[in-house]
């Protein structure tokens, strides 16, 4: 593959460097961009254009678990996203796929598996680690949540994330540079689309997207 563009989004410089070297040895003409947070990832894609693949760390700043994945899928639906994480929990892999990931690559995966995963996903396929074909079925609750979240616009997902951070309408309006009336309109739409009656219920529902960081992802040497 030539002229392939890959964004590596991880807050560990050593992980980004290791992934870049691993992939570059297999795809010598690939071009890379790096980001260390969800905000940087979004800015990079807007600045550089849609990449052929986004490798997205599950636990870097701004992600709030799968909230970041859902947001980026909504904002850049044409970009295939592979989650990268130290976790090998089968349920987390299932959730990643349910919320729109094209693949899930454990940071402990063998080099050849990482290279194969990158090629498969860029080719339009999905990829999961060997031995995980029998992932647990999607729970009814997760299926409903995924469907409801898919109905939210990127701006509504931003607002939902800020609600989860405990911000008031005034603070959200300031951060997003919109009026408080617009914030209230977004909140009303969020409650309707999530089929809940209050901000608190919306935050509780969004909290199910959070994923515990397994003793913090430690780069392999």
C-alpha atoms as a PDB file:
ATOM      1  CA  UNK A   1       0.000   0.000   0.000  1.00  0.00           C
ATOM      2  CA  UNK A   2       1.327   3.397  -0.895  1.00  0.00           C
ATOM      3  CA  UNK A   3       0.459   6.913   0.123  1.00  0.00           C
ATOM      4  CA  UNK A   4      -1.405   5.612   3.147  1.00  0.00           C
ATOM      5  CA  UNK A   5      -2.103   8.148   5.919  1.00  0.00           C
ATOM      6  CA  UNK A   6      -2.415   6.922   9.493  1.00  0.00           C
ATOM      7  CA  UNK A   7      -3.151   8.948  12.619  1.00  0.00           C
ATOM      8  CA  UNK A   8      -1.790   7.453  15.840  1.00  0.00           C
ATOM      9  CA  UNK A   9      -3.627   8.886  18.838  1.00  0.00           C
ATOM     10  CA  UNK A  10      -2.119   7.900  22.175  1.00  0.00           C
ATOM     11  CA  UNK A  11      -0.868   9.973  25.086  1.00  0.00           C
ATOM     12  CA  UNK A  12       2.270   7.824  25.492  1.00  0.00           C
ATOM     13  CA  UNK A  13       5.023   9.027  23.110  1.00  0.00           C
ATOM     14  CA  UNK A  14       6.770   5.658  23.387  1.00  0.00           C
ATOM     15  CA  UNK A  15       3.612   3.821  22.298  1.00  0.00           C
ATOM     16  CA  UNK A  16       3.129   6.166  19.353  1.00  0.00           C
ATOM     17  CA  UNK A  17       6.750   5.700  18.312  1.00  0.00           C
ATOM     18  CA  UNK A  18       6.584   1.906  18.672  1.00  0.00           C
ATOM     19  CA  UNK A  19       3.405   1.685  16.600  1.00  0.00           C
ATOM     20  CA  UNK A  20       4.825   3.971  13.942  1.00  0.00           C
ATOM     21  CA  UNK A  21       8.019   1.943  13.639  1.00  0.00           C
ATOM     22  CA  UNK A  22       6.119  -1.346  13.578  1.00  0.00           C
ATOM     23  CA  UNK A  23       3.809  -0.207  10.778  1.00  0.00           C
ATOM     24  CA  UNK A  24       6.487   1.672   8.801  1.00  0.00           C
ATOM     25  CA  UNK A  25       8.614  -1.456   8.528  1.00  0.00           C
ATOM     26  CA  UNK A  26       5.698  -3.124   6.753  1.00  0.00           C
ATOM     27  CA  UNK A  27       4.355  -0.083   4.872  1.00  0.00           C
ATOM     28  CA  UNK A  28       7.361   2.022   3.970  1.00  0.00           C
ATOM     29  CA  UNK A  29       5.356   4.658   2.103  1.00  0.00           C
ATOM     30  CA  UNK A  30       2.862   5.272   4.888  1.00  0.00           C
ATOM     31  CA  UNK A  31       2.639   8.785   6.312  1.00  0.00           C
ATOM     32  CA  UNK A  32       1.905   9.336   9.987  1.00  0.00           C
ATOM     33  CA  UNK A  33       0.376  12.043  12.140  1.00  0.00           C
ATOM     34  CA  UNK A  34       0.331  11.876  15.921  1.00  0.00           C
ATOM     35  CA  UNK A  35      -2.008  13.127  18.631  1.00  0.00           C
ATOM     36  CA  UNK A  36      -1.966  12.845  22.424  1.00  0.00           C
ATOM     37  CA  UNK A  37      -5.594  13.635  23.274  1.00  0.00           C
ATOM     38  CA  UNK A  38      -9.071  13.581  21.800  1.00  0.00           C
ATOM     39  CA  UNK A  39      -8.862  17.323  21.140  1.00  0.00           C
ATOM     40  CA  UNK A  40      -5.552  16.921  19.294  1.00  0.00           C
ATOM     41  CA  UNK A  41      -6.962  14.001  17.317  1.00  0.00           C
ATOM     42  CA  UNK A  42      -9.917  16.026  16.089  1.00  0.00           C
ATOM     43  CA  UNK A  43      -7.684  19.002  15.261  1.00  0.00           C
ATOM     44  CA  UNK A  44      -5.239  16.777  13.361  1.00  0.00           C
ATOM     45  CA  UNK A  45      -7.956  15.249  11.198  1.00  0.00           C
ATOM     46  CA  UNK A  46      -9.465  18.654  10.446  1.00  0.00           C
ATOM     47  CA  UNK A  47      -6.045  20.060   9.557  1.00  0.00           C
ATOM     48  CA  UNK A  48      -4.626  17.131   7.589  1.00  0.00           C
ATOM     49  CA  UNK A  49      -7.794  15.654   6.139  1.00  0.00           C
ATOM     50  CA  UNK A  50      -9.387  12.264   6.672  1.00  0.00           C
ATOM     51  CA  UNK A  51      -6.744   9.540   7.178  1.00  0.00           C
ATOM     52  CA  UNK A  52      -6.949   5.987   5.885  1.00  0.00           C
ATOM     53  CA  UNK A  53      -6.875   4.771   9.474  1.00  0.00           C
ATOM     54  CA  UNK A  54      -7.097   6.193  12.976  1.00  0.00           C
ATOM     55  CA  UNK A  55      -5.454   4.173  15.758  1.00  0.00           C
ATOM     56  CA  UNK A  56      -7.252   5.435  18.856  1.00  0.00           C
ATOM     57  CA  UNK A  57      -6.160   4.865  22.438  1.00  0.00           C
ATOM     58  CA  UNK A  58      -9.103   3.991  24.665  1.00  0.00           C
ATOM     59  CA  UNK A  59      -7.757   5.808  27.719  1.00  0.00           C
ATOM     60  CA  UNK A  60      -6.041   8.986  26.553  1.00  0.00           C
ATOM     61  CA  UNK A  61      -7.200  12.421  27.790  1.00  0.00           C
ATOM     62  CA  UNK A  62     -10.645  13.469  26.620  1.00  0.00           C
ATOM     63  CA  UNK A  63     -11.831  10.010  25.624  1.00  0.00           C
ATOM     64  CA  UNK A  64     -14.192   9.295  28.560  1.00  0.00           C
ATOM     65  CA  UNK A  65     -14.138   5.625  27.613  1.00  0.00           C
ATOM     66  CA  UNK A  66     -16.126   4.981  24.452  1.00  0.00           C
ATOM     67  CA  UNK A  67     -17.560   8.508  24.393  1.00  0.00           C
ATOM     68  CA  UNK A  68     -14.585   9.664  22.323  1.00  0.00           C
ATOM     69  CA  UNK A  69     -15.056   6.823  19.850  1.00  0.00           C
ATOM     70  CA  UNK A  70     -18.755   7.594  19.433  1.00  0.00           C
ATOM     71  CA  UNK A  71     -17.969  11.284  18.946  1.00  0.00           C
ATOM     72  CA  UNK A  72     -15.286  10.709  16.303  1.00  0.00           C
ATOM     73  CA  UNK A  73     -17.459   8.195  14.447  1.00  0.00           C
ATOM     74  CA  UNK A  74     -20.202  10.813  14.340  1.00  0.00           C
ATOM     75  CA  UNK A  75     -17.883  13.625  13.288  1.00  0.00           C
ATOM     76  CA  UNK A  76     -15.778  11.653  10.783  1.00  0.00           C
ATOM     77  CA  UNK A  77     -17.922   8.706   9.638  1.00  0.00           C
ATOM     78  CA  UNK A  78     -15.649   8.009   6.659  1.00  0.00           C
ATOM     79  CA  UNK A  79     -12.590   7.329   8.854  1.00  0.00           C
ATOM     80  CA  UNK A  80     -12.043   3.700   9.960  1.00  0.00           C
ATOM     81  CA  UNK A  81     -11.070   3.576  13.622  1.00  0.00           C
ATOM     82  CA  UNK A  82      -9.141   0.839  15.397  1.00  0.00           C
ATOM     83  CA  UNK A  83      -9.141   1.010  19.181  1.00  0.00           C
ATOM     84  CA  UNK A  84      -5.808   0.311  20.866  1.00  0.00           C
ATOM     85  CA  UNK A  85      -5.646  -0.588  24.538  1.00  0.00           C
ATOM     86  CA  UNK A  86      -3.840  -2.639  27.142  1.00  0.00           C
ATOM     87  CA  UNK A  87      -7.157  -4.320  27.960  1.00  0.00           C
ATOM     88  CA  UNK A  88      -7.978  -7.702  26.425  1.00  0.00           C
ATOM     89  CA  UNK A  89     -11.418  -7.924  28.020  1.00  0.00           C
ATOM     90  CA  UNK A  90     -13.794  -9.566  25.520  1.00  0.00           C
ATOM     91  CA  UNK A  91     -16.770  -7.443  26.593  1.00  0.00           C
ATOM     92  CA  UNK A  92     -14.787  -4.245  25.984  1.00  0.00           C
ATOM     93  CA  UNK A  93     -13.889  -5.511  22.510  1.00  0.00           C
ATOM     94  CA  UNK A  94     -17.570  -6.224  21.853  1.00  0.00           C
ATOM     95  CA  UNK A  95     -18.530  -2.720  22.992  1.00  0.00           C
ATOM     96  CA  UNK A  96     -15.852  -1.165  20.777  1.00  0.00           C
ATOM     97  CA  UNK A  97     -17.351  -2.882  17.730  1.00  0.00           C
ATOM     98  CA  UNK A  98     -20.900  -2.011  18.794  1.00  0.00           C
ATOM     99  CA  UNK A  99     -19.974   1.661  19.085  1.00  0.00           C
ATOM    100  CA  UNK A 100     -18.413   1.792  15.641  1.00  0.00           C
ATOM    101  CA  UNK A 101     -14.796   0.610  15.788  1.00  0.00           C
ATOM    102  CA  UNK A 102     -13.524  -1.293  12.756  1.00  0.00           C
ATOM    103  CA  UNK A 103     -11.068  -3.187  14.916  1.00  0.00           C
ATOM    104  CA  UNK A 104      -9.554  -3.632  18.360  1.00  0.00           C
ATOM    105  CA  UNK A 105      -5.796  -4.046  18.742  1.00  0.00           C
ATOM    106  CA  UNK A 106      -4.343  -4.931  22.163  1.00  0.00           C
ATOM    107  CA  UNK A 107      -1.040  -3.189  22.810  1.00  0.00           C
ATOM    108  CA  UNK A 108       0.354  -6.596  23.752  1.00  0.00           C
ATOM    109  CA  UNK A 109      -0.447  -8.046  20.309  1.00  0.00           C
ATOM    110  CA  UNK A 110       2.480  -9.560  18.363  1.00  0.00           C
ATOM    111  CA  UNK A 111       4.093  -7.287  15.779  1.00  0.00           C
ATOM    112  CA  UNK A 112       2.814  -9.379  12.866  1.00  0.00           C
ATOM    113  CA  UNK A 113      -0.731  -9.176  14.233  1.00  0.00           C
ATOM    114  CA  UNK A 114      -0.550  -5.385  14.478  1.00  0.00           C
ATOM    115  CA  UNK A 115       0.673  -5.132  10.901  1.00  0.00           C
ATOM    116  CA  UNK A 116      -1.998  -7.532   9.695  1.00  0.00           C
ATOM    117  CA  UNK A 117      -4.685  -5.635  11.583  1.00  0.00           C
ATOM    118  CA  UNK A 118      -3.654  -2.331  10.015  1.00  0.00           C
ATOM    119  CA  UNK A 119      -3.694  -3.796   6.516  1.00  0.00           C
ATOM    120  CA  UNK A 120      -7.034  -5.541   7.018  1.00  0.00           C
ATOM    121  CA  UNK A 121      -8.787  -2.470   8.380  1.00  0.00           C
ATOM    122  CA  UNK A 122      -7.400  -0.159   5.694  1.00  0.00           C
ATOM    123  CA  UNK A 123      -8.651  -2.694   3.130  1.00  0.00           C
ATOM    124  CA  UNK A 124     -12.152  -2.264   4.520  1.00  0.00           C
ATOM    125  CA  UNK A 125     -12.331  -5.302   6.778  1.00  0.00           C
ATOM    126  CA  UNK A 126     -12.781  -5.604  10.521  1.00  0.00           C
ATOM    127  CA  UNK A 127     -10.113  -7.072  12.772  1.00  0.00           C
ATOM    128  CA  UNK A 128     -10.098  -8.606  16.224  1.00  0.00           C
ATOM    129  CA  UNK A 129      -7.335 -10.584  17.970  1.00  0.00           C
ATOM    130  CA  UNK A 130      -6.988 -14.279  17.181  1.00  0.00           C
ATOM    131  CA  UNK A 131      -9.175 -16.356  19.455  1.00  0.00           C
ATOM    132  CA  UNK A 132     -11.827 -13.687  19.981  1.00  0.00           C
ATOM    133  CA  UNK A 133     -14.269 -14.810  17.300  1.00  0.00           C
ATOM    134  CA  UNK A 134     -16.658 -15.845  20.054  1.00  0.00           C
ATOM    135  CA  UNK A 135     -17.175 -12.460  21.670  1.00  0.00           C
ATOM    136  CA  UNK A 136     -20.072 -12.220  24.110  1.00  0.00           C
ATOM    137  CA  UNK A 137     -23.349 -11.188  22.534  1.00  0.00           C
ATOM    138  CA  UNK A 138     -24.240  -7.530  22.732  1.00  0.00           C
ATOM    139  CA  UNK A 139     -26.359  -6.979  25.826  1.00  0.00           C
ATOM    140  CA  UNK A 140     -29.836  -5.578  25.277  1.00  0.00           C
ATOM    141  CA  UNK A 141     -28.869  -2.474  27.243  1.00  0.00           C
ATOM    142  CA  UNK A 142     -25.733  -1.867  25.171  1.00  0.00           C
ATOM    143  CA  UNK A 143     -27.667  -2.348  21.933  1.00  0.00           C
ATOM    144  CA  UNK A 144     -30.273   0.214  22.945  1.00  0.00           C
ATOM    145  CA  UNK A 145     -27.626   2.685  24.100  1.00  0.00           C
ATOM    146  CA  UNK A 146     -25.645   2.333  20.869  1.00  0.00           C
ATOM    147  CA  UNK A 147     -28.774   3.012  18.817  1.00  0.00           C
ATOM    148  CA  UNK A 148     -29.707   6.060  20.850  1.00  0.00           C
ATOM    149  CA  UNK A 149     -26.202   7.501  20.794  1.00  0.00           C
ATOM    150  CA  UNK A 150     -26.052   7.091  17.031  1.00  0.00           C
ATOM    151  CA  UNK A 151     -28.946   9.544  16.789  1.00  0.00           C
ATOM    152  CA  UNK A 152     -26.989  12.340  18.515  1.00  0.00           C
ATOM    153  CA  UNK A 153     -25.233  14.955  16.421  1.00  0.00           C
ATOM    154  CA  UNK A 154     -21.526  15.711  17.051  1.00  0.00           C
ATOM    155  CA  UNK A 155     -22.479  18.921  18.875  1.00  0.00           C
ATOM    156  CA  UNK A 156     -24.986  17.058  21.043  1.00  0.00           C
ATOM    157  CA  UNK A 157     -22.288  14.526  21.914  1.00  0.00           C
ATOM    158  CA  UNK A 158     -20.018  17.409  22.930  1.00  0.00           C
ATOM    159  CA  UNK A 159     -22.742  18.786  25.167  1.00  0.00           C
ATOM    160  CA  UNK A 160     -23.421  15.354  26.667  1.00  0.00           C
ATOM    161  CA  UNK A 161     -19.740  15.006  27.498  1.00  0.00           C
ATOM    162  CA  UNK A 162     -19.743  18.377  29.215  1.00  0.00           C
ATOM    163  CA  UNK A 163     -22.877  17.452  31.152  1.00  0.00           C
ATOM    164  CA  UNK A 164     -20.987  14.357  32.308  1.00  0.00           C
ATOM    165  CA  UNK A 165     -18.200  16.648  33.522  1.00  0.00           C
ATOM    166  CA  UNK A 166     -20.748  18.479  35.679  1.00  0.00           C
ATOM    167  CA  UNK A 167     -20.722  21.712  33.686  1.00  0.00           C
ATOM    168  CA  UNK A 168     -23.655  24.099  33.817  1.00  0.00           C
ATOM    169  CA  UNK A 169     -25.385  25.507  30.749  1.00  0.00           C
ATOM    170  CA  UNK A 170     -23.524  28.799  31.150  1.00  0.00           C
ATOM    171  CA  UNK A 171     -20.142  27.030  31.189  1.00  0.00           C
ATOM    172  CA  UNK A 172     -21.043  24.861  28.196  1.00  0.00           C
ATOM    173  CA  UNK A 173     -22.184  27.921  26.257  1.00  0.00           C
ATOM    174  CA  UNK A 174     -18.884  29.668  26.986  1.00  0.00           C
ATOM    175  CA  UNK A 175     -16.746  26.653  26.053  1.00  0.00           C
ATOM    176  CA  UNK A 176     -18.615  26.007  22.802  1.00  0.00           C
ATOM    177  CA  UNK A 177     -19.078  29.698  22.000  1.00  0.00           C
ATOM    178  CA  UNK A 178     -22.837  29.363  21.629  1.00  0.00           C
ATOM    179  CA  UNK A 179     -25.792  30.898  23.474  1.00  0.00           C
ATOM    180  CA  UNK A 180     -27.327  29.393  26.596  1.00  0.00           C
ATOM    181  CA  UNK A 181     -30.581  29.075  24.662  1.00  0.00           C
ATOM    182  CA  UNK A 182     -28.791  26.885  22.115  1.00  0.00           C
ATOM    183  CA  UNK A 183     -27.353  24.765  24.928  1.00  0.00           C
ATOM    184  CA  UNK A 184     -30.842  24.292  26.375  1.00  0.00           C
ATOM    185  CA  UNK A 185     -32.075  23.262  22.938  1.00  0.00           C
ATOM    186  CA  UNK A 186     -29.280  20.685  22.649  1.00  0.00           C
ATOM    187  CA  UNK A 187     -30.003  19.346  26.144  1.00  0.00           C
ATOM    188  CA  UNK A 188     -33.695  18.951  25.293  1.00  0.00           C
ATOM    189  CA  UNK A 189     -32.797  17.078  22.109  1.00  0.00           C
ATOM    190  CA  UNK A 190     -30.347  14.852  24.028  1.00  0.00           C
ATOM    191  CA  UNK A 191     -32.998  13.919  26.594  1.00  0.00           C
ATOM    192  CA  UNK A 192     -35.483  13.127  23.853  1.00  0.00           C
ATOM    193  CA  UNK A 193     -33.069  11.025  21.798  1.00  0.00           C
ATOM    194  CA  UNK A 194     -31.762   9.116  24.833  1.00  0.00           C
ATOM    195  CA  UNK A 195     -35.353   8.667  26.063  1.00  0.00           C
ATOM    196  CA  UNK A 196     -34.622  10.025  29.538  1.00  0.00           C
ATOM    197  CA  UNK A 197     -36.346  12.685  31.611  1.00  0.00           C
ATOM    198  CA  UNK A 198     -33.483  14.585  33.212  1.00  0.00           C
ATOM    199  CA  UNK A 199     -29.866  15.665  32.839  1.00  0.00           C
ATOM    200  CA  UNK A 200     -28.956  13.311  35.675  1.00  0.00           C
ATOM    201  CA  UNK A 201     -30.441  10.328  33.856  1.00  0.00           C
ATOM    202  CA  UNK A 202     -28.588  11.327  30.686  1.00  0.00           C
ATOM    203  CA  UNK A 203     -25.298  11.507  32.593  1.00  0.00           C
ATOM    204  CA  UNK A 204     -25.929   8.106  34.192  1.00  0.00           C
ATOM    205  CA  UNK A 205     -26.615   6.605  30.773  1.00  0.00           C
ATOM    206  CA  UNK A 206     -23.492   8.196  29.305  1.00  0.00           C
ATOM    207  CA  UNK A 207     -21.533   6.815  32.249  1.00  0.00           C
ATOM    208  CA  UNK A 208     -21.996   3.337  30.817  1.00  0.00           C
ATOM    209  CA  UNK A 209     -19.572   4.344  28.064  1.00  0.00           C
ATOM    210  CA  UNK A 210     -16.781   4.781  30.576  1.00  0.00           C
ATOM    211  CA  UNK A 211     -14.149   2.060  30.800  1.00  0.00           C
ATOM    212  CA  UNK A 212     -11.835   1.478  33.727  1.00  0.00           C
ATOM    213  CA  UNK A 213      -8.171   1.988  32.837  1.00  0.00           C
ATOM    214  CA  UNK A 214      -6.363  -1.308  33.641  1.00  0.00           C
ATOM    215  CA  UNK A 215      -3.596   0.001  35.909  1.00  0.00           C
ATOM    216  CA  UNK A 216      -2.859   2.607  33.231  1.00  0.00           C
ATOM    217  CA  UNK A 217      -1.593   1.437  29.862  1.00  0.00           C
ATOM    218  CA  UNK A 218       2.150   0.847  30.163  1.00  0.00           C
ATOM    219  CA  UNK A 219       4.184   0.889  26.968  1.00  0.00           C
ATOM    220  CA  UNK A 220       5.939  -2.351  26.200  1.00  0.00           C
ATOM    221  CA  UNK A 221       9.670  -2.118  25.904  1.00  0.00           C
END
